[in-house]
Amino acid sequence: MLYFFRQILRNEWYFVLLMGLLSRGIIIITMMGITPLLHIGADNNGVNFGWEVFSAWDSGLYQQIAINSYDTSDTEPGSNVAFFPLFPLLIRLGTVVGFPSNLVGIIINNTAFIVTLFVVYIWVKKTNDDVAARWVVAILAWCPLSIFGTVIYTEGVFLLFSSLALFSFENKQYTQTIIWGILATATRITGLALIPTFLFIAWRKKLSFMAYFTAFASGGGTFLYSFYCWFYFNDPIAFITVQHTEWQRKRGIDWEGWGRMLAEITIGGKNWAAGSLVDVWHPLLFILIIVIAYGLWCYRTFIPKVYFDYSLCSLFFLLWLLSGDSLLNTLSVLGGLVLLLCSRKRLSLVVYIYGLFALGLLLSSGGTISLNRLAYGIISLSIALGVTVSRSPRWGYFVLGFFSLLLITFSLRFAQNQWVAILP
């Protein structure tokens, strides 16, 4: 058996497929096998079993759009107008031939996610090397937020089209870039980060006029949806308007939301909610962890590297136990920005610039809800993390082990209709 797995790992294509299938298998087993066991003889509290377990929160809105189109009330846009049309359209095409919408959504998203792994592997192998490519694929597949590449969400589809658009532009295949860019920007508004990315690269590398045209044309998906909103709702940015009216998003950076998350990490959620020091242990433990980490860093030359690495990993794990989701949510965005800056010399210019523009778009979106999930949809972050840990496998194995634990946890939470991404 060990020989069999070694042979698989030596074949690059089998490795990519193995990472995709094993991580998806963990999700499916957890959601369809373990979750029902936790509710035997108990009140299910709305928990679904079977294929319905992959449909929760935004999933139902995508299926609703696919079946009934967008909500309208006296020509006013409904809240589901915030969701872009390509994924619901693909689901609708599947239902036309007789398949149920939930099954179609699952197949589309999972297929797109697996294909993304192959595309990213080829891309990173070309820009870096085989070792880095394998680590990037492993990071992308086992990241706990990759659960959204399996349930009825747009992560798999958006990752595929945005990766193909970036890869094609890097190879100066402008016609393909336009096609993939249109599909990406018809899937999610964050795809608009492709436009400034391509414009900057075209300017920096003094590319032809076609590169500039490609940059604008790649936003065609969002432009077409904007015309749709203009025609039906007399508001070309209805998909943004409803986020402010229905979801109460702020304009610009949500300083209050970020302040709350940082406070929950440093002083604790109870102290933040009470406005006073009702839990003295949280800030004391936080300070203790930071002091120990600082001491380890100052004396790192006197500590064997293996002990230094394991000590920092243990401290991070303790900090996660102390701070929970607030730490993970903050690291997804702010940590991702630091990661990009630190690894910029090992990334292609397209990957680096796209990551910066996409993160900037998220930070200025006016809210913190679901930002960690949306950050996972920025392929640059997975590439940056994979390339970084490829130079230090010990950290890579810790990251994958931690990711695997969270992947199971997130799968249980989603299957029980509990919120997985950043809360509002």
Protein backbone atom coordinates (compact mmCIF):
# COMPACT_ATOMS: atom_id res chain seq x y z
CA MET A 1 0.00 0.00 0.00
CA LEU A 2 2.81 2.43 0.87
CA TYR A 3 4.52 1.60 -2.42
CA PHE A 4 1.26 2.36 -4.25
CA PHE A 5 0.95 5.83 -2.70
CA ARG A 6 4.63 6.57 -3.35
CA GLN A 7 4.12 5.84 -7.03
CA ILE A 8 1.11 8.12 -7.13
CA LEU A 9 3.02 10.94 -5.46
CA ARG A 10 5.81 10.62 -8.04
CA ASN A 11 3.40 11.28 -10.89
CA GLU A 12 2.55 14.97 -10.99
CA TRP A 13 -0.92 14.50 -12.45
CA TYR A 14 -1.88 11.80 -9.98
CA PHE A 15 -0.63 14.01 -7.16
CA VAL A 16 -2.88 16.90 -8.18
CA LEU A 17 -5.88 14.61 -8.56
CA LEU A 18 -5.10 12.88 -5.27
CA MET A 19 -4.98 16.20 -3.39
CA GLY A 20 -8.30 17.24 -4.89
CA LEU A 21 -10.11 13.96 -4.30
CA LEU A 22 -8.76 13.34 -0.79
CA SER A 23 -9.67 16.83 0.44
CA ARG A 24 -13.12 16.64 -1.19
CA GLY A 25 -13.55 13.16 0.27
CA ILE A 26 -12.88 14.47 3.79
CA ILE A 27 -15.51 17.15 3.29
CA ILE A 28 -18.11 14.73 1.92
CA ILE A 29 -17.50 12.11 4.63
CA THR A 30 -17.72 14.75 7.34
CA MET A 31 -20.87 16.39 6.00
CA MET A 32 -22.77 13.28 4.91
CA GLY A 33 -21.37 10.68 7.29
CA ILE A 34 -20.31 12.29 10.56
CA THR A 35 -22.84 15.12 10.87
CA PRO A 36 -25.90 12.79 10.91
CA LEU A 37 -24.28 10.77 13.71
CA LEU A 38 -24.08 13.90 15.84
CA HIS A 39 -27.86 14.41 15.55
CA ILE A 40 -29.12 10.89 16.23
CA GLY A 41 -32.03 11.13 18.66
CA ALA A 42 -31.70 14.91 18.89
CA ASP A 43 -33.49 17.91 17.46
CA ASN A 44 -31.96 18.54 14.03
CA ASN A 45 -32.51 22.31 14.24
CA GLY A 46 -33.04 22.54 10.50
CA VAL A 47 -30.00 20.41 9.65
CA ASN A 48 -30.42 18.65 6.30
CA PHE A 49 -29.04 15.26 5.36
CA GLY A 50 -28.24 13.84 1.93
CA TRP A 51 -27.28 16.12 -0.97
CA GLU A 52 -29.23 18.97 0.63
CA VAL A 53 -26.43 19.29 3.19
CA PHE A 54 -24.34 21.06 0.53
CA SER A 55 -26.91 23.84 0.23
CA ALA A 56 -26.97 26.50 2.95
CA TRP A 57 -26.90 30.27 3.33
CA ASP A 58 -26.11 31.79 -0.11
CA SER A 59 -26.57 28.43 -1.87
CA GLY A 60 -30.34 28.76 -1.86
CA LEU A 61 -30.11 32.21 -3.44
CA TYR A 62 -28.06 30.89 -6.36
CA GLN A 63 -30.62 28.13 -6.89
CA GLN A 64 -33.47 30.63 -6.61
CA ILE A 65 -31.92 32.83 -9.30
CA ALA A 66 -31.36 29.79 -11.51
CA ILE A 67 -35.00 28.75 -11.27
CA ASN A 68 -36.91 32.04 -10.92
CA SER A 69 -34.41 34.70 -12.03
CA TYR A 70 -33.77 37.82 -9.91
CA ASP A 71 -36.25 39.23 -7.40
CA THR A 72 -38.12 42.32 -8.54
CA SER A 73 -40.71 44.36 -6.69
CA ASP A 74 -42.06 47.36 -8.59
CA THR A 75 -38.84 47.37 -10.62
CA GLU A 76 -36.81 47.59 -7.41
CA PRO A 77 -33.90 45.14 -7.14
CA GLY A 78 -34.16 42.36 -4.58
CA SER A 79 -31.30 41.33 -2.31
CA ASN A 80 -30.27 38.47 -4.60
CA VAL A 81 -29.25 40.99 -7.29
CA ALA A 82 -25.94 41.20 -5.41
CA PHE A 83 -25.12 37.71 -6.73
CA PHE A 84 -23.65 37.65 -10.22
CA PRO A 85 -25.39 35.66 -12.97
CA LEU A 86 -22.92 33.16 -14.46
CA PHE A 87 -23.10 30.46 -11.78
CA PRO A 88 -26.94 30.52 -11.62
CA LEU A 89 -27.02 30.45 -15.42
CA LEU A 90 -24.84 27.33 -15.48
CA ILE A 91 -27.13 25.71 -12.91
CA ARG A 92 -30.17 26.58 -15.02
CA LEU A 93 -28.60 24.98 -18.09
CA GLY A 94 -28.16 21.80 -16.08
CA THR A 95 -31.74 21.80 -14.86
CA VAL A 96 -32.99 22.15 -18.43
CA VAL A 97 -31.81 18.61 -19.15
CA GLY A 98 -33.61 17.27 -16.10
CA PHE A 99 -31.08 17.34 -13.23
CA PRO A 100 -32.05 18.84 -9.84
CA SER A 101 -30.54 22.28 -9.20
CA ASN A 102 -28.67 21.27 -6.04
CA LEU A 103 -26.93 18.36 -7.77
CA VAL A 104 -26.01 20.54 -10.77
CA GLY A 105 -24.53 23.20 -8.51
CA ILE A 106 -22.42 20.63 -6.66
CA ILE A 107 -21.10 19.06 -9.88
CA ILE A 108 -20.26 22.41 -11.49
CA ASN A 109 -18.42 23.81 -8.48
CA ASN A 110 -16.46 20.64 -7.73
CA THR A 111 -15.48 20.09 -11.35
CA ALA A 112 -14.29 23.66 -11.68
CA PHE A 113 -12.31 23.36 -8.44
CA ILE A 114 -10.51 20.17 -9.50
CA VAL A 115 -9.66 21.71 -12.90
CA THR A 116 -8.33 24.78 -11.07
CA LEU A 117 -5.82 22.58 -9.24
CA PHE A 118 -4.41 21.36 -12.56
CA VAL A 119 -4.29 24.87 -14.04
CA VAL A 120 -2.51 26.29 -10.99
CA TYR A 121 -0.05 23.39 -10.91
CA ILE A 122 0.96 24.00 -14.55
CA TRP A 123 1.18 27.73 -13.93
CA VAL A 124 3.34 27.61 -10.79
CA LYS A 125 5.57 24.88 -12.23
CA LYS A 126 6.30 27.19 -15.13
CA THR A 127 6.98 30.29 -13.01
CA ASN A 128 8.72 28.56 -10.09
CA ASP A 129 9.37 24.80 -9.97
CA ASP A 130 7.73 21.43 -9.44
CA VAL A 131 8.19 21.47 -5.66
CA ALA A 132 6.53 24.87 -5.28
CA ALA A 133 3.71 23.78 -7.60
CA ARG A 134 2.94 20.75 -5.44
CA TRP A 135 2.87 22.82 -2.28
CA VAL A 136 0.55 25.39 -3.86
CA VAL A 137 -1.85 22.64 -4.97
CA ALA A 138 -1.80 21.11 -1.47
CA ILE A 139 -2.43 24.50 0.17
CA LEU A 140 -5.27 25.32 -2.24
CA ALA A 141 -6.90 21.91 -1.79
CA TRP A 142 -6.62 21.58 2.00
CA CYS A 143 -7.34 25.18 2.98
CA PRO A 144 -10.43 25.00 5.23
CA LEU A 145 -12.16 27.60 3.09
CA SER A 146 -11.88 25.22 0.15
CA ILE A 147 -15.15 23.79 1.47
CA PHE A 148 -16.71 26.53 -0.65
CA GLY A 149 -15.25 24.78 -3.69
CA THR A 150 -17.46 21.79 -2.88
CA VAL A 151 -20.76 23.22 -1.64
CA ILE A 152 -23.11 25.27 -3.84
CA TYR A 153 -21.04 28.47 -3.93
CA THR A 154 -19.01 30.20 -6.66
CA GLU A 155 -15.48 29.63 -5.29
CA GLY A 156 -14.54 26.81 -7.66
CA VAL A 157 -15.91 28.57 -10.73
CA PHE A 158 -14.33 31.92 -9.90
CA LEU A 159 -10.94 30.42 -9.03
CA LEU A 160 -10.91 28.58 -12.35
CA PHE A 161 -11.79 31.52 -14.61
CA SER A 162 -9.67 34.10 -12.77
CA SER A 163 -6.65 31.75 -12.78
CA LEU A 164 -7.06 31.04 -16.48
CA ALA A 165 -7.37 34.77 -17.23
CA LEU A 166 -4.18 35.60 -15.30
CA PHE A 167 -2.25 32.66 -16.74
CA SER A 168 -3.33 33.54 -20.30
CA PHE A 169 -2.39 37.19 -19.91
CA GLU A 170 1.00 36.26 -18.53
CA ASN A 171 1.56 34.20 -21.70
CA LYS A 172 0.27 37.08 -23.86
CA GLN A 173 -2.67 35.01 -25.09
CA TYR A 174 -5.01 37.98 -25.22
CA THR A 175 -8.02 36.38 -26.91
CA GLN A 176 -8.15 33.67 -24.27
CA THR A 177 -7.64 36.27 -21.56
CA ILE A 178 -10.70 38.19 -22.73
CA ILE A 179 -12.85 35.05 -22.71
CA TRP A 180 -11.75 33.90 -19.26
CA GLY A 181 -11.86 37.45 -17.92
CA ILE A 182 -15.45 37.96 -19.05
CA LEU A 183 -16.46 34.68 -17.41
CA ALA A 184 -14.64 35.60 -14.19
CA THR A 185 -16.22 39.06 -13.97
CA ALA A 186 -19.62 37.53 -14.68
CA THR A 187 -19.13 35.27 -11.66
CA ARG A 188 -18.07 37.72 -8.97
CA ILE A 189 -17.47 41.46 -8.69
CA THR A 190 -13.97 40.92 -7.29
CA GLY A 191 -13.03 39.78 -10.77
CA LEU A 192 -12.81 43.49 -11.62
CA ALA A 193 -9.37 43.43 -9.98
CA LEU A 194 -8.22 41.86 -13.26
CA ILE A 195 -8.63 45.19 -15.07
CA PRO A 196 -6.13 47.32 -13.07
CA THR A 197 -3.81 44.30 -12.90
CA PHE A 198 -3.65 43.96 -16.66
CA LEU A 199 -3.37 47.72 -17.17
CA PHE A 200 -0.47 47.96 -14.74
CA ILE A 201 1.35 45.01 -16.31
CA ALA A 202 0.79 46.44 -19.80
CA TRP A 203 2.25 49.78 -18.70
CA ARG A 204 5.12 48.27 -16.72
CA LYS A 205 6.22 45.90 -19.49
CA LYS A 206 5.39 48.32 -22.33
CA LEU A 207 3.08 45.83 -24.02
CA SER A 208 1.10 46.43 -27.18
CA PHE A 209 -2.24 48.20 -27.52
CA MET A 210 -3.93 44.79 -27.53
CA ALA A 211 -2.89 44.28 -23.92
CA TYR A 212 -4.66 47.51 -22.89
CA PHE A 213 -7.75 46.53 -24.86
CA THR A 214 -7.69 43.10 -23.21
CA ALA A 215 -7.62 44.72 -19.78
CA PHE A 216 -10.88 46.58 -20.36
CA ALA A 217 -12.53 43.79 -22.34
CA SER A 218 -11.89 41.30 -19.53
CA GLY A 219 -14.40 43.21 -17.40
CA GLY A 220 -17.12 42.46 -19.93
CA GLY A 221 -18.97 40.10 -17.60
CA THR A 222 -19.58 42.81 -15.03
CA PHE A 223 -20.30 45.41 -17.72
CA LEU A 224 -22.98 43.19 -19.28
CA TYR A 225 -24.57 42.53 -15.89
CA SER A 226 -24.47 46.27 -15.25
CA PHE A 227 -26.44 46.87 -18.46
CA TYR A 228 -28.95 44.26 -17.30
CA CYS A 229 -29.42 46.09 -14.00
CA TRP A 230 -29.70 49.41 -15.79
CA PHE A 231 -32.40 48.06 -18.09
CA TYR A 232 -34.50 46.32 -15.41
CA PHE A 233 -33.87 48.46 -12.34
CA ASN A 234 -32.71 51.79 -13.80
CA ASP A 235 -29.58 51.37 -11.69
CA PRO A 236 -26.39 50.12 -13.41
CA ILE A 237 -24.79 49.33 -10.06
CA ALA A 238 -27.83 47.72 -8.43
CA PHE A 239 -25.60 44.83 -7.32
CA ILE A 240 -23.69 47.33 -5.17
CA THR A 241 -26.69 49.42 -4.13
CA VAL A 242 -28.52 46.47 -2.55
CA GLN A 243 -25.48 45.70 -0.42
CA HIS A 244 -25.78 49.12 1.18
CA THR A 245 -29.57 49.13 1.46
CA GLU A 246 -30.25 45.47 2.29
CA TRP A 247 -27.02 44.39 3.98
CA GLN A 248 -26.16 47.74 5.61
CA ARG A 249 -22.63 47.78 4.22
CA LYS A 250 -20.62 50.92 4.85
CA ARG A 251 -18.81 52.91 2.19
CA GLY A 252 -15.07 52.42 2.14
CA ILE A 253 -13.16 50.51 4.81
CA ASP A 254 -15.24 49.17 7.68
CA TRP A 255 -13.04 50.48 10.47
CA GLU A 256 -15.52 49.44 13.13
CA GLY A 257 -15.59 45.85 11.92
CA TRP A 258 -11.82 45.59 11.73
CA GLY A 259 -11.47 47.23 15.13
CA ARG A 260 -13.85 44.68 16.61
CA MET A 261 -11.90 41.73 15.20
CA LEU A 262 -8.55 43.08 16.37
CA ALA A 263 -10.02 43.75 19.82
CA GLU A 264 -11.36 40.20 20.00
CA ILE A 265 -7.84 38.93 19.35
CA THR A 266 -6.04 41.18 21.83
CA ILE A 267 -8.44 41.82 24.71
CA GLY A 268 -11.17 39.23 24.07
CA GLY A 269 -14.73 39.27 22.80
CA LYS A 270 -16.26 39.45 26.29
CA ASN A 271 -14.27 42.56 27.18
CA TRP A 272 -15.13 44.18 23.84
CA ALA A 273 -18.84 43.48 24.23
CA ALA A 274 -18.94 44.66 27.86
CA GLY A 275 -16.78 47.73 27.28
CA SER A 276 -14.83 46.89 30.41
CA LEU A 277 -12.39 44.30 31.72
CA VAL A 278 -14.67 41.40 32.69
CA ASP A 279 -12.25 38.69 31.51
CA VAL A 280 -8.73 39.47 32.69
CA TRP A 281 -7.25 36.18 31.51
CA HIS A 282 -7.63 36.81 27.78
CA PRO A 283 -5.41 39.94 27.56
CA LEU A 284 -2.92 38.42 30.01
CA LEU A 285 -2.59 35.22 27.99
CA PHE A 286 -2.32 37.23 24.77
CA ILE A 287 0.52 39.34 26.21
CA LEU A 288 2.25 36.19 27.50
CA ILE A 289 2.12 34.53 24.07
CA ILE A 290 3.48 37.65 22.37
CA VAL A 291 6.29 38.05 24.91
CA ILE A 292 7.35 34.41 24.51
CA ALA A 293 7.25 34.71 20.72
CA TYR A 294 9.34 37.89 20.86
CA GLY A 295 11.87 36.19 23.13
CA LEU A 296 12.14 33.22 20.79
CA TRP A 297 12.72 35.55 17.84
CA CYS A 298 15.42 37.54 19.66
CA TYR A 299 17.34 34.40 20.67
CA ARG A 300 16.61 32.35 17.56
CA THR A 301 20.33 32.06 16.70
CA PHE A 302 20.92 30.18 19.97
CA ILE A 303 17.99 27.77 19.51
CA PRO A 304 18.13 24.72 17.18
CA LYS A 305 15.92 25.50 14.20
CA VAL A 306 13.68 22.48 14.71
CA TYR A 307 12.86 23.58 18.28
CA PHE A 308 12.41 27.17 17.18
CA ASP A 309 9.92 26.17 14.48
CA TYR A 310 7.95 23.83 16.73
CA SER A 311 7.82 26.45 19.47
CA LEU A 312 6.39 29.11 17.15
CA CYS A 313 3.89 26.61 15.75
CA SER A 314 2.76 25.76 19.28
CA LEU A 315 2.39 29.43 20.18
CA PHE A 316 0.30 30.07 17.08
CA PHE A 317 -1.92 27.11 17.94
CA LEU A 318 -2.40 28.47 21.47
CA LEU A 319 -3.21 31.91 20.06
CA TRP A 320 -5.84 30.32 17.82
CA LEU A 321 -7.38 28.48 20.80
CA LEU A 322 -7.50 31.83 22.59
CA SER A 323 -8.84 34.03 19.77
CA GLY A 324 -10.68 31.58 17.48
CA ASP A 325 -12.22 32.79 14.23
CA SER A 326 -11.20 36.41 14.74
CA LEU A 327 -7.54 35.43 14.33
CA LEU A 328 -8.19 33.34 11.23
CA ASN A 329 -10.39 36.02 9.67
CA THR A 330 -7.81 38.74 10.22
CA LEU A 331 -4.96 36.60 8.91
CA SER A 332 -6.94 35.78 5.77
CA VAL A 333 -6.84 39.42 4.66
CA LEU A 334 -4.22 41.40 6.58
CA GLY A 335 -1.95 38.37 6.91
CA GLY A 336 -2.43 37.72 3.21
CA LEU A 337 -1.27 41.25 2.43
CA VAL A 338 1.90 40.77 4.54
CA LEU A 339 2.49 37.40 2.89
CA LEU A 340 2.31 38.95 -0.58
CA LEU A 341 4.75 41.71 0.33
CA CYS A 342 7.23 39.28 1.89
CA SER A 343 7.13 36.79 -0.98
CA ARG A 344 6.95 39.26 -3.89
CA LYS A 345 10.40 38.31 -5.22
CA ARG A 346 9.32 34.69 -5.60
CA LEU A 347 6.05 35.50 -7.37
CA SER A 348 5.43 36.44 -10.97
CA LEU A 349 4.46 40.08 -11.45
CA VAL A 350 0.93 39.14 -12.55
CA VAL A 351 0.33 37.07 -9.40
CA TYR A 352 1.72 39.76 -7.11
CA ILE A 353 -0.11 42.74 -8.62
CA TYR A 354 -3.43 40.89 -8.88
CA GLY A 355 -3.17 39.93 -5.22
CA LEU A 356 -2.62 43.56 -4.18
CA PHE A 357 -5.50 44.95 -6.25
CA ALA A 358 -7.89 42.16 -5.21
CA LEU A 359 -7.11 42.63 -1.51
CA GLY A 360 -7.51 46.38 -1.91
CA LEU A 361 -10.93 45.79 -3.43
CA LEU A 362 -11.94 43.60 -0.48
CA LEU A 363 -10.66 46.04 2.13
CA SER A 364 -12.63 48.89 0.57
CA SER A 365 -15.82 46.85 0.19
CA GLY A 366 -17.46 48.44 3.23
CA GLY A 367 -17.80 45.36 5.41
CA THR A 368 -16.06 42.40 7.00
CA ILE A 369 -18.71 39.78 6.34
CA SER A 370 -17.32 36.82 4.35
CA LEU A 371 -14.01 38.54 3.65
CA ASN A 372 -12.05 35.40 4.58
CA ARG A 373 -14.03 33.38 2.03
CA LEU A 374 -13.58 36.06 -0.62
CA ALA A 375 -9.86 36.24 0.20
CA TYR A 376 -9.59 32.52 -0.50
CA GLY A 377 -10.96 33.30 -3.97
CA ILE A 378 -7.82 35.40 -4.62
CA ILE A 379 -5.54 32.78 -6.17
CA SER A 380 -2.45 34.90 -5.49
CA LEU A 381 -2.70 34.23 -1.75
CA SER A 382 -2.64 30.44 -2.12
CA ILE A 383 0.27 30.71 -4.55
CA ALA A 384 2.19 32.99 -2.18
CA LEU A 385 1.65 30.68 0.80
CA GLY A 386 2.51 27.55 -1.17
CA VAL A 387 5.70 29.06 -2.60
CA THR A 388 6.71 30.28 0.87
CA VAL A 389 6.26 26.97 2.71
CA SER A 390 7.98 25.08 -0.12
CA ARG A 391 11.20 26.63 1.18
CA SER A 392 10.50 25.40 4.71
CA PRO A 393 8.65 22.05 4.56
CA ARG A 394 8.39 21.79 8.35
CA TRP A 395 6.15 24.86 8.37
CA GLY A 396 4.33 23.46 5.37
CA TYR A 397 3.43 20.25 7.18
CA PHE A 398 2.22 22.23 10.18
CA VAL A 399 0.05 24.41 7.93
CA LEU A 400 -1.44 21.38 6.17
CA GLY A 401 -2.13 19.62 9.48
CA PHE A 402 -3.78 22.74 10.89
CA PHE A 403 -5.74 23.22 7.67
CA SER A 404 -6.97 19.60 7.79
CA LEU A 405 -8.29 20.09 11.33
CA LEU A 406 -10.10 23.27 10.33
CA LEU A 407 -11.43 21.69 7.13
CA ILE A 408 -13.23 19.05 9.20
CA THR A 409 -14.45 21.69 11.65
CA PHE A 410 -15.74 23.99 8.90
CA SER A 411 -17.46 21.07 7.15
CA LEU A 412 -19.30 20.18 10.36
CA ARG A 413 -20.32 23.79 10.87
CA PHE A 414 -21.61 24.24 7.32
CA ALA A 415 -23.52 20.96 7.47
CA GLN A 416 -25.19 22.13 10.68
CA ASN A 417 -26.20 25.44 9.08
CA GLN A 418 -23.68 27.36 11.16
CA TRP A 419 -21.91 30.37 9.69
CA VAL A 420 -18.39 29.56 8.45
CA ALA A 421 -17.15 32.87 7.07
CA ILE A 422 -16.71 36.18 8.91
CA LEU A 423 -19.82 37.21 10.81
CA PRO A 424 -21.27 40.69 10.24
